[in-house]
Amino acid sequence: MPRILILTAGFGEGHNTASRCLAEALMEHPGADVKVVDVYLETIPRLTKLLQSGYGLAINKFPFIWSAIFTLLDKPGQLEATLPLASNLRNALRRVVEAYRPDVIVSTYPLYAYLLRELRKQGHDPSGVPLFTIVTDSTAINSSWYRAGSECFVVADEETADVLRKGGVEEQFLKAIGFPVTPRLATLKPIEQVIQGARKILYLPSSRVAHSLSVIRELQKLPETEITVVTGKLTALHASLKASGVMDGIRTHLVGWTDKIPELLCSHHLYIGKAGGAIVHEAMAARCPILVSHVVPGQEEGNIELIERHDIGRLAALTPDAIAASVKEVFASDAAIWRRWKSNLGAISKPAASREIAAAILSSTVKNPS
């Protein structure tokens, strides 16, 4: 019975989504024992929630702060210099590894590779246990992802693999398989390329209430358009939108937290929202064209490059009227732009990526028995 330890952290949705979806794929294999751990939450829960709030504030309202942090972490030695301050996390990780005794360790967050490297030097990490690092960003990859090393780096595509190659990662440690989206995306049927009836828009707003309200109002002006707004964990935004009355229209639907994002992407013609790693790859797997309305500096700039390079969407000017104008253009002339994006998505969609990653991980347990 192979034991797979998946390490995650709740700083952005990509890390948790990747870990959750990969766990789902692994547990499809009879006998696989999977444990998902957020060492941050288990060790320093109060500080972690404070850091998560700060991260959310930075990316939504003060992106220049996150841009500066991203640039700093990209410089060799900067993250490494903070490791003496992470002794609590390192010791907690050691206890988890010693108690669970995994056959494979999978990390969806960069810091764990550094902590494991220190544990190995101290003789605490069991010998022969491979580390799989799931890189949740695309194209614009912070070097902190790979400076600590790993037995295997799993990346979304060859373009991302090239970044790691140029950073010094040897070919034998690279697997360009895809982003681990939920396995059920492989069985869901994307909306057809011919539009019949209303154009269905899936909008995932940021936490800025006034901006989100303005975007919704502008989208409501478009004829033959149905809008689904998903606020997720942004409960304050959800309450504000509900109280505003703007969601009372018959062509507008408000959804709070949901685990049906894959189904929503498959049933809508266009996704509007931020360019997070998880949501972009979920949209790609669901063959849902993408209109980016919000960008986090650093890693999400790489996702914009990915979207534009494959011609599956675009970055819209970020003002509400410009976003609505982009939607109008995308569906103009018998939806010519939308149909081109939709067609291009068919060539790069990887809805079964998590199952392929799971197979690679499980094969390593045969080569490296505990």
Foldseek 3Di string as FASTA:
>chain_A
DAEEEEEFAPQFPLRVQLLVQLVLLLVVDPPYHYDYDHLCCVQPVVVSVVVSVVSLCCQQPNLVVVQVVLVQQLDPPRVVVCVVVCVSSLVSVLVVCVVRVGQEYEYADLVVLVSVLVCVVVVSHDPLHFYEYEDLFFQLGRCSNDPSHGQAYEYAAVNRVVVVVVVPDDPNRYDNQHRSHHLCLVVDAADDLADDFAAEEEEEERLPQVQVLLLLVLLVPDPRYAYEYEDAPSVVSLVSVVVVCSQVDPRYHYHYHDPCLLVVLRHHQEYEEAQGSRSLLSNLQSLHAYEYQGYRPGRSVSSQVVCVVLLQYHYFDNHSNRSSVVVCVCPPPVNVSSSVNSVSSVVSHNSNSSNVVSVVRVVSCVVRPD
